[in-house]
Amino acid sequence: MVITIQDVENVARLARLSLSDAEKELYASQLSRIIENFNELKAVDTTNIEPLAHALPVTNVLREDEIKPSLGRDVLLANAPDREGAFFRVPRIGE
């Protein structure tokens, strides 16, 4: 499949990009080469190859959940620059 300058212009219009004529020609040739590379990959016989989620074996290294006592509210709010009762006080954002 060959990417034409009209294809590049269409995509540029959809992306709201303004491209020079030189850029259009450059991108058309670069995208055509990329499509050619994918076509080469399509030609590879993968009938006996199992699909992979990752190229290397990966295992989760999750730890078990442990219940631990949490810090008290006063300890957590002690470093707050401004507080109102049991809450952080922050500047108003909206109206």
N, C-alpha and C. Protein backbone atom coordinates (compact mmCIF):
# COMPACT_ATOMS: atom_id res chain seq x y z
N MET A 1 0.85 -1.18 0.00
CA MET A 1 0.00 0.00 0.00
C MET A 1 0.89 1.24 0.00
N VAL A 2 0.58 2.14 -0.86
CA VAL A 2 1.34 3.38 -0.96
C VAL A 2 0.51 4.51 -0.35
N ILE A 3 1.12 5.26 0.53
CA ILE A 3 0.46 6.41 1.13
C ILE A 3 0.68 7.60 0.20
N THR A 4 -0.41 8.20 -0.23
CA THR A 4 -0.31 9.32 -1.16
C THR A 4 -0.27 10.65 -0.40
N ILE A 5 0.06 11.68 -1.13
CA ILE A 5 0.08 13.02 -0.53
C ILE A 5 -1.35 13.40 -0.11
N GLN A 6 -2.35 12.93 -0.85
CA GLN A 6 -3.74 13.21 -0.48
C GLN A 6 -4.08 12.54 0.85
N ASP A 7 -3.54 11.34 1.08
CA ASP A 7 -3.76 10.67 2.37
C ASP A 7 -3.16 11.50 3.51
N VAL A 8 -1.95 11.99 3.29
CA VAL A 8 -1.28 12.81 4.31
C VAL A 8 -2.07 14.10 4.53
N GLU A 9 -2.55 14.71 3.45
CA GLU A 9 -3.34 15.94 3.59
C GLU A 9 -4.62 15.68 4.38
N ASN A 10 -5.25 14.54 4.13
CA ASN A 10 -6.49 14.21 4.84
C ASN A 10 -6.22 14.04 6.33
N VAL A 11 -5.18 13.30 6.68
CA VAL A 11 -4.85 13.10 8.10
C VAL A 11 -4.44 14.42 8.74
N ALA A 12 -3.69 15.24 8.02
CA ALA A 12 -3.28 16.54 8.56
C ALA A 12 -4.50 17.42 8.80
N ARG A 13 -5.47 17.36 7.90
CA ARG A 13 -6.69 18.15 8.08
C ARG A 13 -7.46 17.67 9.31
N LEU A 14 -7.56 16.35 9.48
CA LEU A 14 -8.26 15.80 10.65
C LEU A 14 -7.56 16.17 11.95
N ALA A 15 -6.22 16.23 11.91
CA ALA A 15 -5.44 16.58 13.10
C ALA A 15 -5.25 18.08 13.23
N ARG A 16 -5.81 18.82 12.30
CA ARG A 16 -5.70 20.28 12.28
C ARG A 16 -4.24 20.74 12.25
N LEU A 17 -3.47 20.09 11.36
CA LEU A 17 -2.07 20.44 11.17
C LEU A 17 -1.91 21.12 9.82
N SER A 18 -1.05 22.11 9.77
CA SER A 18 -0.71 22.70 8.47
C SER A 18 0.70 22.23 8.12
N LEU A 19 0.81 21.60 6.95
CA LEU A 19 2.08 21.04 6.52
C LEU A 19 2.51 21.71 5.23
N SER A 20 3.81 21.88 5.08
CA SER A 20 4.34 22.40 3.82
C SER A 20 4.34 21.27 2.80
N ASP A 21 4.53 21.62 1.53
CA ASP A 21 4.58 20.61 0.48
C ASP A 21 5.72 19.63 0.71
N ALA A 22 6.86 20.13 1.18
CA ALA A 22 8.01 19.26 1.45
C ALA A 22 7.69 18.27 2.57
N GLU A 23 7.00 18.75 3.61
CA GLU A 23 6.62 17.86 4.72
C GLU A 23 5.63 16.80 4.26
N LYS A 24 4.69 17.18 3.41
CA LYS A 24 3.71 16.22 2.90
C LYS A 24 4.41 15.10 2.14
N GLU A 25 5.35 15.46 1.28
CA GLU A 25 6.09 14.45 0.51
C GLU A 25 6.93 13.57 1.44
N LEU A 26 7.59 14.19 2.42
CA LEU A 26 8.41 13.44 3.36
C LEU A 26 7.56 12.44 4.14
N TYR A 27 6.43 12.91 4.69
CA TYR A 27 5.59 12.03 5.49
C TYR A 27 4.95 10.93 4.65
N ALA A 28 4.60 11.24 3.42
CA ALA A 28 4.02 10.22 2.54
C ALA A 28 5.03 9.10 2.29
N SER A 29 6.29 9.46 2.04
CA SER A 29 7.30 8.42 1.79
C SER A 29 7.62 7.66 3.06
N GLN A 30 7.72 8.35 4.19
CA GLN A 30 8.02 7.67 5.45
C GLN A 30 6.89 6.71 5.84
N LEU A 31 5.66 7.15 5.72
CA LEU A 31 4.53 6.29 6.08
C LEU A 31 4.42 5.10 5.13
N SER A 32 4.74 5.30 3.86
CA SER A 32 4.71 4.19 2.90
C SER A 32 5.74 3.14 3.28
N ARG A 33 6.94 3.57 3.71
CA ARG A 33 7.96 2.62 4.14
C ARG A 33 7.53 1.86 5.39
N ILE A 34 6.86 2.55 6.30
CA ILE A 34 6.38 1.89 7.52
C ILE A 34 5.35 0.81 7.16
N ILE A 35 4.43 1.14 6.26
CA ILE A 35 3.42 0.16 5.82
C ILE A 35 4.09 -1.02 5.14
N GLU A 36 5.13 -0.77 4.34
CA GLU A 36 5.87 -1.86 3.69
C GLU A 36 6.48 -2.79 4.73
N ASN A 37 7.02 -2.22 5.81
CA ASN A 37 7.59 -3.05 6.87
C ASN A 37 6.53 -3.93 7.52
N PHE A 38 5.34 -3.40 7.72
CA PHE A 38 4.26 -4.21 8.28
C PHE A 38 3.85 -5.31 7.31
N ASN A 39 3.86 -5.02 6.03
CA ASN A 39 3.52 -6.03 5.04
C ASN A 39 4.55 -7.16 5.05
N GLU A 40 5.82 -6.84 5.29
CA GLU A 40 6.84 -7.88 5.42
C GLU A 40 6.56 -8.76 6.64
N LEU A 41 6.13 -8.15 7.73
CA LEU A 41 5.81 -8.92 8.93
C LEU A 41 4.60 -9.82 8.71
N LYS A 42 3.63 -9.35 7.92
CA LYS A 42 2.47 -10.18 7.62
C LYS A 42 2.85 -11.45 6.87
N ALA A 43 3.93 -11.39 6.10
CA ALA A 43 4.34 -12.54 5.28
C ALA A 43 5.00 -13.64 6.11
N VAL A 44 5.37 -13.36 7.35
CA VAL A 44 6.03 -14.35 8.19
C VAL A 44 5.01 -15.39 8.65
N ASP A 45 5.39 -16.66 8.53
CA ASP A 45 4.51 -17.75 8.95
C ASP A 45 4.54 -17.89 10.47
N THR A 46 3.40 -17.66 11.10
CA THR A 46 3.31 -17.73 12.57
C THR A 46 2.29 -18.79 13.01
N THR A 47 2.06 -19.80 12.18
CA THR A 47 1.02 -20.78 12.50
C THR A 47 1.32 -21.57 13.77
N ASN A 48 2.59 -21.89 14.06
CA ASN A 48 2.92 -22.69 15.24
C ASN A 48 3.49 -21.84 16.38
N ILE A 49 3.27 -20.55 16.31
CA ILE A 49 3.78 -19.64 17.34
C ILE A 49 2.62 -19.23 18.24
N GLU A 50 2.81 -19.42 19.55
CA GLU A 50 1.76 -19.02 20.49
C GLU A 50 1.82 -17.51 20.74
N PRO A 51 0.66 -16.88 20.85
CA PRO A 51 0.64 -15.44 21.14
C PRO A 51 1.25 -15.15 22.51
N LEU A 52 1.90 -14.01 22.61
CA LEU A 52 2.54 -13.60 23.85
C LEU A 52 1.91 -12.31 24.37
N ALA A 53 1.86 -12.19 25.66
CA ALA A 53 1.49 -10.91 26.26
C ALA A 53 2.74 -10.09 26.55
N HIS A 54 3.88 -10.79 26.70
CA HIS A 54 5.14 -10.13 27.00
C HIS A 54 6.26 -10.98 26.44
N ALA A 55 7.31 -10.37 25.97
CA ALA A 55 8.41 -11.11 25.34
C ALA A 55 9.21 -11.94 26.35
N LEU A 56 9.24 -11.51 27.59
CA LEU A 56 9.99 -12.21 28.63
C LEU A 56 9.02 -12.76 29.67
N PRO A 57 9.39 -13.84 30.35
CA PRO A 57 8.49 -14.33 31.41
C PRO A 57 8.43 -13.33 32.56
N VAL A 58 7.22 -12.99 32.93
CA VAL A 58 7.01 -11.99 33.97
C VAL A 58 6.12 -12.61 35.05
N THR A 59 6.51 -12.42 36.30
CA THR A 59 5.67 -12.89 37.40
C THR A 59 5.38 -11.72 38.32
N ASN A 60 4.21 -11.75 38.91
CA ASN A 60 3.85 -10.71 39.87
C ASN A 60 4.65 -10.89 41.15
N VAL A 61 5.10 -9.81 41.70
CA VAL A 61 5.84 -9.86 42.96
C VAL A 61 5.03 -9.14 44.04
N LEU A 62 3.75 -9.48 44.08
CA LEU A 62 2.88 -8.85 45.06
C LEU A 62 3.06 -9.50 46.42
N ARG A 63 2.92 -8.72 47.45
CA ARG A 63 3.01 -9.25 48.80
C ARG A 63 1.60 -9.43 49.35
N GLU A 64 1.50 -10.22 50.37
CA GLU A 64 0.21 -10.41 51.03
C GLU A 64 -0.16 -9.12 51.77
N ASP A 65 -1.43 -8.82 51.82
CA ASP A 65 -1.89 -7.67 52.58
C ASP A 65 -1.74 -7.95 54.07
N GLU A 66 -1.26 -6.94 54.77
CA GLU A 66 -1.12 -7.06 56.21
C GLU A 66 -1.90 -5.92 56.87
N ILE A 67 -2.65 -6.25 57.85
CA ILE A 67 -3.40 -5.23 58.57
C ILE A 67 -2.46 -4.62 59.61
N LYS A 68 -2.30 -3.31 59.52
CA LYS A 68 -1.43 -2.59 60.45
C LYS A 68 -2.21 -1.41 61.00
N PRO A 69 -1.90 -0.99 62.19
CA PRO A 69 -2.60 0.18 62.73
C PRO A 69 -2.19 1.43 61.94
N SER A 70 -3.17 2.30 61.69
CA SER A 70 -2.87 3.52 60.95
C SER A 70 -2.51 4.63 61.93
N LEU A 71 -1.97 5.69 61.39
CA LEU A 71 -1.65 6.85 62.20
C LEU A 71 -2.95 7.54 62.60
N GLY A 72 -2.92 8.21 63.70
CA GLY A 72 -4.11 8.92 64.16
C GLY A 72 -4.36 10.16 63.32
N ARG A 73 -5.59 10.64 63.35
CA ARG A 73 -5.97 11.81 62.57
C ARG A 73 -5.15 13.03 62.97
N ASP A 74 -4.91 13.21 64.26
CA ASP A 74 -4.15 14.39 64.70
C ASP A 74 -2.71 14.34 64.21
N VAL A 75 -2.12 13.15 64.17
CA VAL A 75 -0.75 13.01 63.66
C VAL A 75 -0.72 13.36 62.18
N LEU A 76 -1.71 12.89 61.41
CA LEU A 76 -1.74 13.17 59.98
C LEU A 76 -1.98 14.64 59.68
N LEU A 77 -2.82 15.29 60.47
CA LEU A 77 -3.13 16.70 60.23
C LEU A 77 -2.12 17.64 60.87
N ALA A 78 -1.17 17.12 61.62
CA ALA A 78 -0.21 17.98 62.32
C ALA A 78 0.64 18.78 61.34
N ASN A 79 0.93 18.24 60.17
CA ASN A 79 1.76 18.94 59.19
C ASN A 79 0.95 19.76 58.19
N ALA A 80 -0.35 19.80 58.32
CA ALA A 80 -1.18 20.56 57.40
C ALA A 80 -0.93 22.05 57.58
N PRO A 81 -0.73 22.78 56.51
CA PRO A 81 -0.51 24.22 56.66
C PRO A 81 -1.73 24.95 57.20
N ASP A 82 -2.91 24.41 56.91
CA ASP A 82 -4.14 25.01 57.42
C ASP A 82 -5.17 23.90 57.56
N ARG A 83 -5.89 23.89 58.64
CA ARG A 83 -6.91 22.87 58.85
C ARG A 83 -8.12 23.47 59.50
N GLU A 84 -9.22 22.79 59.30
CA GLU A 84 -10.47 23.21 59.92
C GLU A 84 -11.08 21.98 60.56
N GLY A 85 -10.94 21.87 61.85
CA GLY A 85 -11.41 20.70 62.56
C GLY A 85 -10.62 19.47 62.15
N ALA A 86 -11.31 18.47 61.61
CA ALA A 86 -10.66 17.22 61.22
C ALA A 86 -10.37 17.17 59.72
N PHE A 87 -10.32 18.34 59.06
CA PHE A 87 -10.14 18.38 57.62
C PHE A 87 -9.00 19.31 57.22
N PHE A 88 -8.40 19.05 56.07
CA PHE A 88 -7.46 19.98 55.47
C PHE A 88 -8.25 21.16 54.93
N ARG A 89 -7.72 22.35 55.11
CA ARG A 89 -8.35 23.54 54.54
C ARG A 89 -7.51 23.95 53.35
N VAL A 90 -8.18 24.06 52.19
CA VAL A 90 -7.49 24.40 50.94
C VAL A 90 -8.16 25.61 50.32
N PRO A 91 -7.45 26.32 49.45
CA PRO A 91 -8.07 27.48 48.79
C PRO A 91 -9.23 27.05 47.90
N ARG A 92 -10.23 27.89 47.81
CA ARG A 92 -11.40 27.62 46.96
C ARG A 92 -10.96 27.66 45.51
N ILE A 93 -11.44 26.70 44.73
CA ILE A 93 -11.07 26.62 43.31
C ILE A 93 -12.17 27.18 42.43
N GLY A 94 -13.39 26.80 42.67
CA GLY A 94 -14.51 27.26 41.85
C GLY A 94 -15.41 28.18 42.62
N GLU A 95 -16.47 28.57 41.96
CA GLU A 95 -17.43 29.48 42.61
C GLU A 95 -18.59 28.73 43.17
